[in-house]
Each structure stands twice: as structure tokens, then as C-alpha cells.
Protein backbone atom coordinates (compact mmCIF):
# COMPACT_ATOMS: atom_id res chain seq x y z
CA MET A 1 -51.07 34.78 20.37
CA GLN A 2 -54.42 34.13 22.30
CA GLN A 3 -53.48 30.52 22.15
CA ILE A 4 -49.95 31.11 23.58
CA ILE A 5 -51.55 33.24 26.19
CA ASN A 6 -54.47 30.66 27.25
CA PHE A 7 -51.63 27.72 27.13
CA ILE A 8 -49.46 29.85 29.59
CA ILE A 9 -52.50 30.63 31.67
CA LYS A 10 -53.79 26.89 31.75
CA ASN A 11 -50.25 25.59 32.76
CA SER A 12 -48.67 28.42 34.74
CA TYR A 13 -47.89 26.46 37.78
CA ARG A 14 -46.39 23.69 35.80
CA LEU A 15 -44.26 26.75 34.15
CA LEU A 16 -43.62 28.10 37.38
CA PHE A 17 -42.49 24.75 38.99
CA LEU A 18 -39.94 24.64 36.12
CA LEU A 19 -39.00 27.76 36.32
CA LEU A 20 -37.88 27.03 39.91
CA LEU A 21 -36.95 24.14 39.77
CA GLY A 22 -34.21 25.42 36.64
CA ILE A 23 -33.14 28.17 38.85
CA SER A 24 -32.55 25.85 42.05
CA PHE A 25 -30.71 23.14 39.97
CA SER A 26 -28.37 26.50 38.77
CA LEU A 27 -27.54 27.58 42.48
CA ILE A 28 -26.72 24.19 43.46
CA VAL A 29 -23.93 24.30 40.40
CA LYS A 30 -22.60 27.60 41.11
CA SER A 31 -22.42 27.03 45.03
CA HIS A 32 -21.13 23.64 45.21
CA SER A 33 -17.43 22.23 43.41
CA TYR A 34 -18.66 18.99 43.36
CA HIS A 35 -21.88 19.35 41.66
CA ARG A 36 -19.78 22.13 39.45
CA SER A 37 -17.74 19.12 38.12
CA GLU A 38 -20.15 16.68 37.65
CA TYR A 39 -22.37 18.75 35.60
CA VAL A 40 -19.28 19.47 33.32
CA ASN A 41 -18.32 15.88 33.63
CA SER A 42 -21.99 14.88 32.00
CA ALA A 43 -22.25 17.72 29.80
CA ASN A 44 -18.93 17.09 28.35
CA ALA A 45 -20.13 13.03 28.04
CA VAL A 46 -23.67 14.10 26.28
CA THR A 47 -21.82 16.61 23.97
CA GLY A 48 -18.62 14.37 23.22
CA ALA A 49 -21.00 11.11 22.07
CA TYR A 50 -22.96 13.32 20.23
CA TYR A 51 -20.38 15.02 17.95
CA GLU A 52 -18.67 11.46 17.66
CA LYS A 53 -21.80 10.11 16.34
CA VAL A 54 -21.97 13.07 13.99
CA ASN A 55 -18.30 12.49 12.82
CA GLU A 56 -18.63 8.97 12.38
CA ALA A 57 -22.05 9.58 9.80
CA ASN A 58 -20.34 12.32 8.09
CA GLU A 59 -17.43 9.99 7.30
CA TYR A 60 -19.98 7.35 6.30
CA LEU A 61 -21.28 9.58 3.97
CA SER A 62 -18.05 11.10 2.75
CA LEU A 63 -17.13 8.13 1.84
CA LYS A 64 -18.10 7.65 -1.95
CA GLN A 65 -15.97 10.95 -2.46
CA LYS A 66 -12.99 9.15 -0.44
CA ASN A 67 -13.12 6.23 -2.70
CA LYS A 68 -12.92 8.49 -5.87
CA ASP A 69 -9.83 10.48 -4.32
CA LEU A 70 -7.79 6.88 -3.61
CA ALA A 71 -8.80 6.18 -7.13
CA SER A 72 -7.47 9.08 -8.75
CA GLU A 73 -4.24 8.72 -6.84
CA ASN A 74 -3.55 4.82 -7.81
CA ALA A 75 -4.04 6.56 -11.38
CA LEU A 76 -1.56 8.50 -10.87
CA LEU A 77 0.75 5.80 -8.92
CA LYS A 78 0.08 3.69 -11.56
CA GLU A 79 1.08 6.06 -14.34
CA LEU A 80 3.97 6.28 -12.74
CA LEU A 81 4.78 2.61 -12.24
CA PHE A 82 3.84 1.56 -15.36
CA ASN A 83 6.58 4.79 -17.28
CA LYS A 84 8.98 3.54 -14.62
CA LYS A 85 11.84 2.13 -16.40
CA ASP A 86 12.54 -1.65 -15.58
CA THR A 87 15.42 -2.10 -13.21
CA ILE A 88 16.41 -5.61 -14.45
CA LEU A 89 16.90 -4.99 -17.60
CA THR A 90 18.78 -1.18 -17.32
CA SER A 91 21.88 -3.01 -17.33
CA LYS A 92 20.95 -4.94 -20.58
CA THR A 93 19.59 -2.45 -22.40
CA LEU A 94 20.95 1.05 -21.88
CA PHE A 95 19.83 3.24 -24.39
CA ARG A 96 16.19 1.65 -23.78
CA ASN A 97 13.68 5.01 -22.79
CA ASP A 98 10.46 3.50 -21.33
CA LEU A 99 9.87 6.80 -19.57
CA ASN A 100 6.42 8.46 -20.39
CA ASN A 101 4.71 6.46 -22.59
CA TYR A 102 1.45 5.43 -20.59
CA ASN A 103 -1.50 7.66 -19.58
CA VAL A 104 -4.04 6.34 -16.90
CA VAL A 105 -7.45 6.65 -16.46
CA VAL A 106 -9.83 5.82 -13.66
CA SER A 107 -13.01 5.10 -14.31
CA LYS A 108 -15.75 3.03 -12.15
CA VAL A 109 -17.46 -0.41 -13.16
CA VAL A 110 -20.99 0.08 -13.68
CA LYS A 111 -21.99 -3.02 -15.32
CA ASN A 112 -20.27 -6.47 -15.12
CA SER A 113 -21.24 -9.76 -16.73
CA PHE A 114 -19.84 -13.19 -15.72
CA ASN A 115 -22.40 -15.53 -16.30
CA SER A 116 -21.92 -16.23 -20.11
CA ARG A 117 -19.49 -16.93 -22.42
CA GLU A 118 -18.91 -13.74 -24.09
CA ASN A 119 -18.99 -11.15 -20.93
CA TYR A 120 -18.79 -7.33 -20.88
CA ILE A 121 -18.30 -4.88 -18.50
CA THR A 122 -19.54 -1.34 -19.02
CA ILE A 123 -17.70 1.57 -17.27
CA ASN A 124 -18.23 5.12 -16.68
CA SER A 125 -15.96 7.19 -18.76
CA GLY A 126 -15.75 7.47 -23.09
CA LYS A 127 -14.13 9.08 -25.40
CA ASN A 128 -14.53 12.41 -23.55
CA SER A 129 -12.53 11.12 -20.85
CA GLY A 130 -10.15 9.95 -24.14
CA ILE A 131 -10.62 6.64 -23.88
CA GLU A 132 -10.61 4.31 -27.37
CA VAL A 133 -10.95 1.04 -28.51
CA ASP A 134 -8.44 -1.60 -27.66
CA MET A 135 -6.87 0.15 -24.54
CA GLY A 136 -6.38 -2.39 -21.68
CA VAL A 137 -7.85 -2.39 -18.53
CA VAL A 138 -6.65 -3.15 -15.12
CA ASN A 139 -7.51 -3.04 -11.46
CA ASP A 140 -5.38 -2.76 -8.17
CA LYS A 141 -5.20 -6.62 -8.46
CA GLY A 142 -3.69 -7.08 -12.36
CA ILE A 143 -5.74 -7.13 -15.47
CA VAL A 144 -9.29 -6.95 -16.34
CA GLY A 145 -9.94 -6.84 -20.06
CA LEU A 146 -9.82 -4.55 -23.50
CA ILE A 147 -12.07 -2.16 -24.37
CA GLU A 148 -14.33 -2.98 -26.60
CA LYS A 149 -16.41 0.06 -27.84
CA THR A 150 -16.60 3.66 -26.84
CA SER A 151 -19.65 6.63 -26.09
CA THR A 152 -19.14 10.04 -25.18
CA ASN A 153 -19.11 8.94 -21.56
CA PHE A 154 -19.42 4.77 -21.73
CA SER A 155 -17.10 2.52 -22.47
CA THR A 156 -17.33 -1.46 -22.81
CA ILE A 157 -14.60 -3.69 -21.68
CA GLN A 158 -14.33 -7.46 -23.20
CA SER A 159 -13.32 -8.84 -20.10
CA VAL A 160 -10.51 -11.62 -19.78
CA LEU A 161 -13.94 -14.02 -18.94
CA ASN A 162 -14.53 -13.85 -22.59
CA THR A 163 -13.82 -16.62 -24.96
CA LYS A 164 -12.82 -13.94 -27.71
CA SER A 165 -10.43 -12.66 -25.24
CA LYS A 166 -6.34 -13.46 -26.22
CA ILE A 167 -3.51 -11.51 -24.03
CA ASN A 168 0.04 -11.74 -24.78
CA ALA A 169 1.15 -13.19 -21.42
CA LYS A 170 4.07 -14.89 -20.14
CA ILE A 171 5.61 -16.84 -16.84
CA LYS A 172 7.27 -14.23 -14.78
CA ASN A 173 10.24 -17.09 -14.04
CA SER A 174 11.39 -18.19 -17.59
CA ASN A 175 9.79 -15.42 -19.29
CA HIS A 176 8.15 -18.43 -21.87
CA PHE A 177 5.39 -16.44 -23.86
CA GLY A 178 1.80 -17.81 -24.55
CA SER A 179 -1.56 -16.49 -24.90
CA LEU A 180 -4.13 -15.95 -21.93
CA ILE A 181 -7.60 -17.15 -22.87
CA TRP A 182 -10.55 -18.33 -21.19
CA ASP A 183 -12.23 -21.43 -21.54
CA GLY A 184 -15.60 -20.43 -20.49
CA ARG A 185 -16.16 -23.01 -18.04
CA ASN A 186 -14.95 -21.19 -14.18
CA VAL A 187 -15.23 -17.59 -13.55
CA GLY A 188 -12.22 -17.83 -10.81
CA PHE A 189 -9.18 -19.33 -14.33
CA ALA A 190 -8.05 -18.79 -17.25
CA GLN A 191 -5.81 -20.80 -18.98
CA LEU A 192 -2.21 -20.09 -20.81
CA ILE A 193 -1.93 -21.84 -24.27
CA ASP A 194 0.85 -22.47 -26.90
CA VAL A 195 3.64 -22.17 -24.30
CA PRO A 196 6.51 -24.27 -25.52
CA ARG A 197 7.78 -27.49 -23.99
CA LEU A 198 11.33 -25.85 -23.17
CA ALA A 199 9.61 -23.81 -20.75
CA SER A 200 10.69 -24.26 -17.10
CA LEU A 201 7.73 -24.13 -15.24
CA LYS A 202 6.10 -25.13 -11.99
CA HIS A 203 2.70 -24.95 -10.01
CA GLY A 204 1.88 -21.74 -8.19
CA ASP A 205 4.63 -19.85 -10.22
CA SER A 206 3.41 -16.03 -11.29
CA ILE A 207 1.58 -15.65 -14.84
CA VAL A 208 1.99 -11.92 -15.82
CA THR A 209 1.79 -9.99 -19.15
CA GLY A 210 3.98 -10.41 -21.60
CA GLY A 211 6.60 -7.39 -23.52
CA ASN A 212 5.33 -8.04 -26.79
CA SER A 213 1.68 -6.74 -26.27
CA ASP A 214 0.96 -3.21 -27.55
CA ILE A 215 -1.95 -2.92 -25.03
CA PHE A 216 -0.60 -3.77 -21.51
CA PRO A 217 2.47 -2.85 -19.82
CA GLU A 218 5.04 -5.53 -19.13
CA ASN A 219 4.70 -7.63 -15.83
CA ILE A 220 1.25 -6.39 -14.87
CA PRO A 221 -0.35 -9.71 -12.84
CA ILE A 222 -2.72 -11.90 -13.87
CA GLY A 223 -2.38 -15.05 -11.47
CA LYS A 224 -0.50 -18.17 -10.45
CA ILE A 225 -0.39 -21.50 -12.05
CA ASP A 226 -2.64 -24.12 -11.20
CA LYS A 227 -2.27 -27.04 -13.15
CA ILE A 228 -0.41 -28.02 -16.44
CA PHE A 229 -1.39 -30.42 -19.16
CA ILE A 230 -0.14 -30.74 -22.27
CA ASP A 231 -1.69 -30.58 -25.92
CA LYS A 232 -1.40 -33.80 -27.34
CA LYS A 233 -2.15 -31.98 -31.14
CA THR A 234 0.44 -29.38 -30.66
CA ASN A 235 2.69 -30.64 -27.95
CA TYR A 236 2.71 -27.60 -26.01
CA TYR A 237 1.78 -27.04 -22.65
CA THR A 238 -1.84 -26.00 -21.57
CA ILE A 239 -1.91 -24.37 -18.35
CA ASN A 240 -4.72 -23.66 -15.86
CA ILE A 241 -4.27 -20.17 -13.98
CA ARG A 242 -5.64 -19.00 -10.79
CA LEU A 243 -6.51 -15.24 -11.51
CA PHE A 244 -5.45 -12.93 -8.97
CA ASN A 245 -8.92 -10.65 -9.65
CA ASP A 246 -12.01 -11.27 -8.51
CA MET A 247 -13.88 -10.98 -11.90
CA THR A 248 -17.41 -10.88 -10.26
CA SER A 249 -16.45 -7.85 -8.08
CA LEU A 250 -15.18 -4.97 -9.53
CA GLY A 251 -14.93 -1.36 -8.72
CA TYR A 252 -12.61 0.99 -9.36
CA VAL A 253 -10.85 0.20 -12.22
CA TYR A 254 -7.74 2.00 -14.73
CA VAL A 255 -7.63 2.21 -18.08
CA ILE A 256 -4.25 2.15 -19.68
CA GLU A 257 -3.20 3.98 -23.16
CA ASN A 258 0.06 3.49 -24.96
CA LYS A 259 1.10 6.54 -26.14
CA ARG A 260 3.56 4.80 -28.64
CA LYS A 261 1.15 2.37 -29.95
CA LYS A 262 -0.06 4.16 -32.78
CA GLU A 263 3.66 5.21 -34.12
CA LYS A 264 4.60 1.49 -33.44
CA LYS A 265 1.75 0.28 -35.05
CA GLN A 266 2.09 2.83 -38.39
CA LEU A 267 6.12 1.40 -38.92
CA GLU A 268 5.09 -2.52 -38.67
CA LEU A 269 2.29 -1.79 -42.00
CA GLU A 270 5.16 0.38 -43.68
CA THR A 271 7.18 -2.25 -43.03
CA THR A 272 5.14 -5.03 -44.14
CA ALA A 273 3.40 -3.17 -47.23
CA PRO A 274 3.99 -3.94 -50.76
CA LYS A 275 7.03 -2.21 -52.22
CA LYS A 276 6.31 -0.11 -55.63
């Protein structure tokens, strides 16, 4: 307390000057409309700029939550899309019922390898989120891979950039099927093999997931035809596919559960099992 009193006594003239200056400034602003308006405008400009910067900072800090919200919303939209009837096929298959076949779980990539021949991705969702082995994984641009292993809170994905990967795919325009593999050479390309010579195809045609897959819904984008070769051993086409996905830069992904997969597999096992 004594220090405060000593400070006031020591700086009394300066404090008195500042007090009188403040009173004078206040009287000028109150008695002159021009000065008052200038003061108000200046104050508004300063506070406006301050609040704008504060708002920008708050928006930046909330981007993480906004990204999570958008990813969750996209998961819901993808679930609705995957469960929607294929309008192209409805007229041909009047009794088809694909509604409510798929669940979608949103997750985030926490580790991604793409420099080896057998690449894997880790996501921050596992058994607690209902994720199981062999579920398909996609993002907003197309397929990512298949669930390889799961723990309580994490899962690993066998990337499409894995020489062990083999996914049913088709040429969108002709519906001819093949197997999507990766030759381990270029992270921007995959290969579609075992495509029959009868298939009508050309450079730039789209490649999508096929209808023979128990893992992915049909017609999920994969890429476009870049080059076409003929395998001399099999006399089938081998097609180089430029992937839509940049597999070196992955954020949020969507894990797809086919709710009828187990039922279908069980029926097929029972059908092919030896009869007693």
C-alpha cells in the first residue's frame, strides 16, 4: 500500500496531466458533433477490426470440429447413397431390394504407408465402432482398401497400393469385369487384369467397383483407363488405371459394412457343402 502511495506522490504531476487531458478530450467530444462522430467511427473501426480478428481466430480453432462434423455428415450421405436403389437397373429387376444393406462408419487416418510393395493404413476406429475384418474403405474420391486387422479402438487397412490387394472392378461403360491389383511401381496407378478381349474399352473410360463384390457397393469410383495392353499368356486385357485417389494424402475415410454379407456367405457355404 505504501508503495502505491509513494508512486502517486512521485508521479502526481503526470497523473494530473493525464486526468486533465482526458477531461478535456471528453468535453471536446461531447460539445462538438463532428469530433463526436469521428470518435465513434474510430472506436467502431478499432473494435470492429478486433472482433474480426477474434472471430477469425475462433473459426480457425474450430476447423477441427467442423471437419469432424462434415465427415460425419458425409458418412450419413454415403450410407443413404449406398442404400439407394440403382435407377438404371430398376426397370430390369422389378423385385430388387437393396435398401438398408449398408452401414457407414466415419474414421480418420492416423498413419499411411505408400513407399513399400505391401502398404497399410491405420485409422482411429476399431471394434468399439463396429468395424470388422474385410470391410471396405472409401473416401470422397473413391476406394481406399480393405480392413486387414482390428483392435478395440484402431484398425489397419490393406491399401489398394498393396501387391496382395485384389478387388472386383468393372469398366463402367461396358460392365465387363476384372480384378484390380497393384504392380508395386507407381502410387498413382493400379492395374485391371483378366478383362476379356470382347470388352469394348478406350482411353479415358471410367473404372468402378463391380457388382460381384461382397465388400463394396457397386459403382464406387476407382479411376480412368490410361493404357491398354494384351497379356500374351492369357490373351486377356491388362489395363493401367490412373487412380482418382491421391493415396499419399488421406484424411477422413468411410468404412462400409455390408449387412447381408454374412447371410450370403453362409448360404453359399451350405450350397457347396458335400451332401450327407
